[in-house]
Structures are given as C-alpha cells and as structure tokens.
Protein backbone atom coordinates (compact mmCIF):
# COMPACT_ATOMS: atom_id res chain seq x y z
CA ASN A 1 -75.03 126.81 30.95
CA LEU A 2 -73.50 125.04 28.01
CA ASN A 3 -69.71 124.81 28.09
CA ILE A 4 -68.19 125.33 24.66
CA ILE A 5 -64.49 124.54 24.36
CA SER A 6 -61.87 125.54 21.82
CA ILE A 7 -58.29 124.33 21.92
CA CYS A 8 -55.92 126.24 19.70
CA ARG A 9 -52.77 128.24 19.31
CA PHE A 10 -53.41 131.97 19.54
CA VAL A 11 -52.36 132.70 15.95
CA PRO A 12 -54.21 134.37 13.04
CA GLN A 13 -55.06 131.00 11.40
CA LYS A 14 -57.32 130.05 14.32
CA ASN A 15 -59.63 133.05 13.75
CA ILE A 16 -60.23 133.60 17.46
CA ASP A 17 -61.99 136.88 16.69
CA GLU A 18 -64.91 134.77 15.49
CA ILE A 19 -65.06 132.87 18.80
CA PHE A 20 -65.29 136.21 20.58
CA LEU A 21 -68.00 137.40 18.21
CA ILE A 22 -70.04 134.24 18.76
CA ALA A 23 -69.49 134.44 22.54
CA SER A 24 -70.67 138.06 22.59
CA LYS A 25 -74.00 136.94 21.07
CA LEU A 26 -74.38 133.90 23.35
CA SER A 27 -73.75 135.37 26.78
CA SER A 28 -75.56 132.56 28.59
CA PHE A 29 -72.97 130.00 27.39
CA ASN A 30 -69.41 129.58 28.65
CA PHE A 31 -66.60 129.71 26.09
CA ILE A 32 -63.44 128.05 27.35
CA ILE A 33 -60.34 128.58 25.21
CA LEU A 34 -57.21 126.57 25.91
CA GLY A 35 -53.87 127.38 24.37
CA ASP A 36 -51.20 130.02 24.08
CA GLY A 37 -49.43 131.92 21.35
CA GLU A 38 -48.44 135.26 19.94
CA LEU A 39 -51.99 136.70 20.14
CA PHE A 40 -52.83 135.58 23.69
CA SER A 41 -52.24 139.04 25.21
CA LYS A 42 -54.30 140.69 22.47
CA PHE A 43 -57.29 138.49 23.25
CA LYS A 44 -56.86 138.80 27.00
CA ASN A 45 -57.05 142.58 26.60
CA LEU A 46 -59.98 142.33 24.18
CA LYS A 47 -61.89 140.11 26.62
CA GLU A 48 -61.50 142.77 29.32
CA LYS A 49 -62.32 145.63 26.95
CA LEU A 50 -65.51 143.92 25.73
CA ASN A 51 -66.34 142.72 29.25
CA LEU A 52 -66.91 139.16 28.03
CA GLU A 53 -67.49 137.45 31.35
CA ASN A 54 -68.51 134.22 29.59
CA VAL A 55 -65.09 133.79 27.89
CA TYR A 56 -62.38 131.98 29.83
CA LEU A 57 -58.84 132.16 28.49
CA ILE A 58 -57.16 129.29 30.29
CA GLY A 59 -53.79 129.31 28.55
CA GLN A 60 -51.58 126.28 28.06
CA VAL A 61 -52.49 123.24 30.16
CA ASP A 62 -50.84 119.87 30.71
CA ASN A 63 -54.04 117.81 30.72
CA ILE A 64 -56.66 118.99 28.25
CA TYR A 65 -58.92 116.04 29.00
CA GLU A 66 -60.07 117.42 32.35
CA HIS A 67 -61.35 120.45 30.42
CA LEU A 68 -62.77 118.39 27.56
CA TYR A 69 -64.78 116.24 29.97
CA ALA A 70 -66.30 119.41 31.46
CA ALA A 71 -67.37 120.64 28.01
CA ASP A 72 -70.60 120.07 26.10
CA LEU A 73 -69.31 120.79 22.62
CA PHE A 74 -66.18 121.73 20.69
CA LEU A 75 -65.89 124.83 18.50
CA SER A 76 -63.32 125.46 15.78
CA THR A 77 -63.33 128.75 13.86
CA SER A 78 -60.11 128.09 11.94
CA LEU A 79 -59.44 129.67 8.56
CA TYR A 80 -57.81 126.37 7.50
CA GLU A 81 -56.58 123.20 9.16
CA GLY A 82 -54.48 120.18 8.56
CA LEU A 83 -55.63 117.29 10.67
CA SER A 84 -56.79 118.96 13.88
CA ILE A 85 -55.47 116.91 16.79
CA SER A 86 -57.53 118.90 19.30
CA MET A 87 -60.70 118.16 17.32
CA ILE A 88 -59.85 114.45 17.25
CA GLU A 89 -59.20 114.56 21.00
CA ALA A 90 -62.64 116.14 21.49
CA MET A 91 -64.20 113.45 19.30
CA SER A 92 -62.38 110.76 21.31
CA ILE A 93 -64.52 111.58 24.33
CA GLY A 94 -67.74 112.03 22.36
CA LEU A 95 -68.10 115.78 22.01
CA PRO A 96 -70.18 117.07 19.11
CA ILE A 97 -68.20 119.47 16.93
CA ILE A 98 -69.10 122.80 15.36
CA ALA A 99 -66.44 123.93 12.91
CA THR A 100 -65.82 126.10 9.90
CA ASN A 101 -66.24 124.33 6.58
CA VAL A 102 -62.58 124.51 5.58
CA VAL A 103 -59.98 121.99 4.49
CA GLY A 104 -59.09 119.75 7.39
CA ASN A 105 -62.31 120.30 9.30
CA SER A 106 -64.43 119.06 6.38
CA ASP A 107 -62.21 115.97 6.18
CA THR A 108 -62.70 115.24 9.87
CA ILE A 109 -66.36 116.06 10.50
CA GLU A 110 -69.29 114.39 8.81
CA ASN A 111 -71.68 117.35 8.58
CA GLY A 112 -74.95 116.71 10.38
CA ASN A 113 -73.71 113.44 11.85
CA SER A 114 -70.59 113.88 14.00
CA GLY A 115 -70.90 117.64 14.07
CA TYR A 116 -71.85 120.64 12.02
CA LEU A 117 -69.84 122.61 9.51
CA TYR A 118 -70.64 126.25 8.80
CA GLU A 119 -69.23 128.58 6.18
CA LEU A 120 -66.29 130.68 7.26
CA GLY A 121 -67.46 134.04 8.56
CA ASP A 122 -71.12 133.00 8.89
CA TYR A 123 -71.10 133.38 12.65
CA ASN A 124 -74.92 133.64 12.68
CA LYS A 125 -75.07 130.07 11.38
CA ALA A 126 -72.62 128.98 14.08
CA ILE A 127 -74.85 130.64 16.68
CA GLN A 128 -77.91 128.86 15.26
CA LEU A 129 -76.11 125.49 15.37
CA ILE A 130 -74.95 126.04 18.95
CA ASN A 131 -78.51 126.97 19.96
CA ASN A 132 -79.88 123.85 18.21
CA LEU A 133 -77.52 121.64 20.20
CA ALA A 134 -78.23 123.54 23.41
CA GLU A 135 -81.99 123.10 23.01
CA SER A 136 -81.78 119.38 22.26
CA PRO A 137 -79.85 117.23 24.73
CA ASN A 138 -80.82 114.15 22.66
CA LEU A 139 -79.33 115.64 19.50
CA ARG A 140 -76.20 116.62 21.41
CA GLU A 141 -75.89 113.10 22.85
CA ASN A 142 -76.47 111.36 19.49
CA MET A 143 -74.08 113.65 17.67
CA GLY A 144 -71.51 113.09 20.43
CA LYS A 145 -71.85 109.31 20.04
CA ASN A 146 -71.41 109.66 16.27
CA SER A 147 -68.37 111.85 16.85
CA TYR A 148 -66.88 109.21 19.16
CA MET A 149 -67.58 106.41 16.68
CA ARG A 150 -66.10 108.37 13.79
CA GLN A 151 -62.91 109.02 15.76
CA ARG A 152 -62.66 105.34 16.72
CA SER A 153 -63.34 104.11 13.19
CA ILE A 154 -61.11 106.35 11.06
CA PHE A 155 -58.83 108.37 13.35
CA SER A 156 -57.75 105.84 15.97
CA GLU A 157 -54.09 104.90 16.43
CA ASN A 158 -54.68 101.32 15.31
CA TYR A 159 -56.61 102.32 12.22
CA MET A 160 -54.02 104.88 11.17
CA ALA A 161 -51.11 102.49 11.85
CA ASN A 162 -52.77 99.78 9.75
CA LYS A 163 -53.35 102.25 6.91
CA TYR A 164 -49.64 103.14 6.93
CA ILE A 165 -48.62 99.47 7.04
CA ASN A 166 -50.88 98.74 4.08
CA LEU A 167 -49.56 101.74 2.18
CA TYR A 168 -45.93 100.73 2.72
CA SER A 169 -46.73 97.10 1.86
CA ASP A 170 -48.32 98.22 -1.41
CA LEU A 171 -45.27 100.33 -2.25
CA LEU A 172 -42.89 97.42 -1.68
C-alpha cells in the first residue's frame, strides 16, 4: 500500500474535506494526516462516520520526519498557501508532491518535475495523479529525486540566507 502523507493545521484553508474525498476513492492507499487545530474533532468524527479505515489522523507530533520517511508521497489540498514549510520538509527527503494549483504551491512545485499540480476541486485529477505514481515506482523515484534537488537548490537554508544577504547588500 502506498502511504500518502499530509501535514497541516486542521483549519478551513487546508481543505481537508478533499483529502477525505480522495481517500474514500482510493481505499487501498493509506492517508496519514499529521497536525491539529480547530477542525480536528470534526474530521475525527467524520472518519468514523464514513468508516474510512485507510485514513490515519495522527495529531500533533514532535518529529515529523519519522512519518515522512515512512511515506511514499506528499499531498496538499490547500485552498491557498504561503510558503509551505511542510511541503519543503517533504521535498527535503525526496518525496514527490501532489498539490492544488494555488498560490504558494505553484511557486514551490515544478509541475511534472518535482511533483504534480491539479486544479482546486478536481479531486478526480488528484486521484489519477496518485494512481500514476503508484503504478510507476520509477516515476515516483525520479520525481522524488527532482523534488529533493529543487528543495536543495532554491529552498535550502544556505540559498535563502544568501538571497537575503544579497538583497540587503543591494539596498545598502
């Protein structure tokens, strides 16, 4: 079984309903959701009501990396993002990303290279993309490597620090 991970606050912006919808159509895959927030109880109850045995609501954890390393891909269904730290953390260990094509995600993911972007609400496309990655370990591995390289090249600490230093130097 493919392990699909999402790390998010349980708030309306994260569009967790869509994760549940996707999970209900892909019952042979495990959906692991880390995080906490105002909607956690709502989704815990919904999971039980819908009998989604393939959805695991883990809650807040101290070390997300032990869960990331057990995952095969990262899923973000957000309505909008800034710079998603959890997505960058997933990229830092080489996970391919499937995410909504919204501000923030589209700035982070190179569609078709380090992950796939799908239009908000088009959960059938998300399902198709997940199935494509599930059926092709080589594609998943290559996309994961590209994800890792993209994180290292434009989202690493050193790169970002140097960009700020250059920006401040230019302003002085």
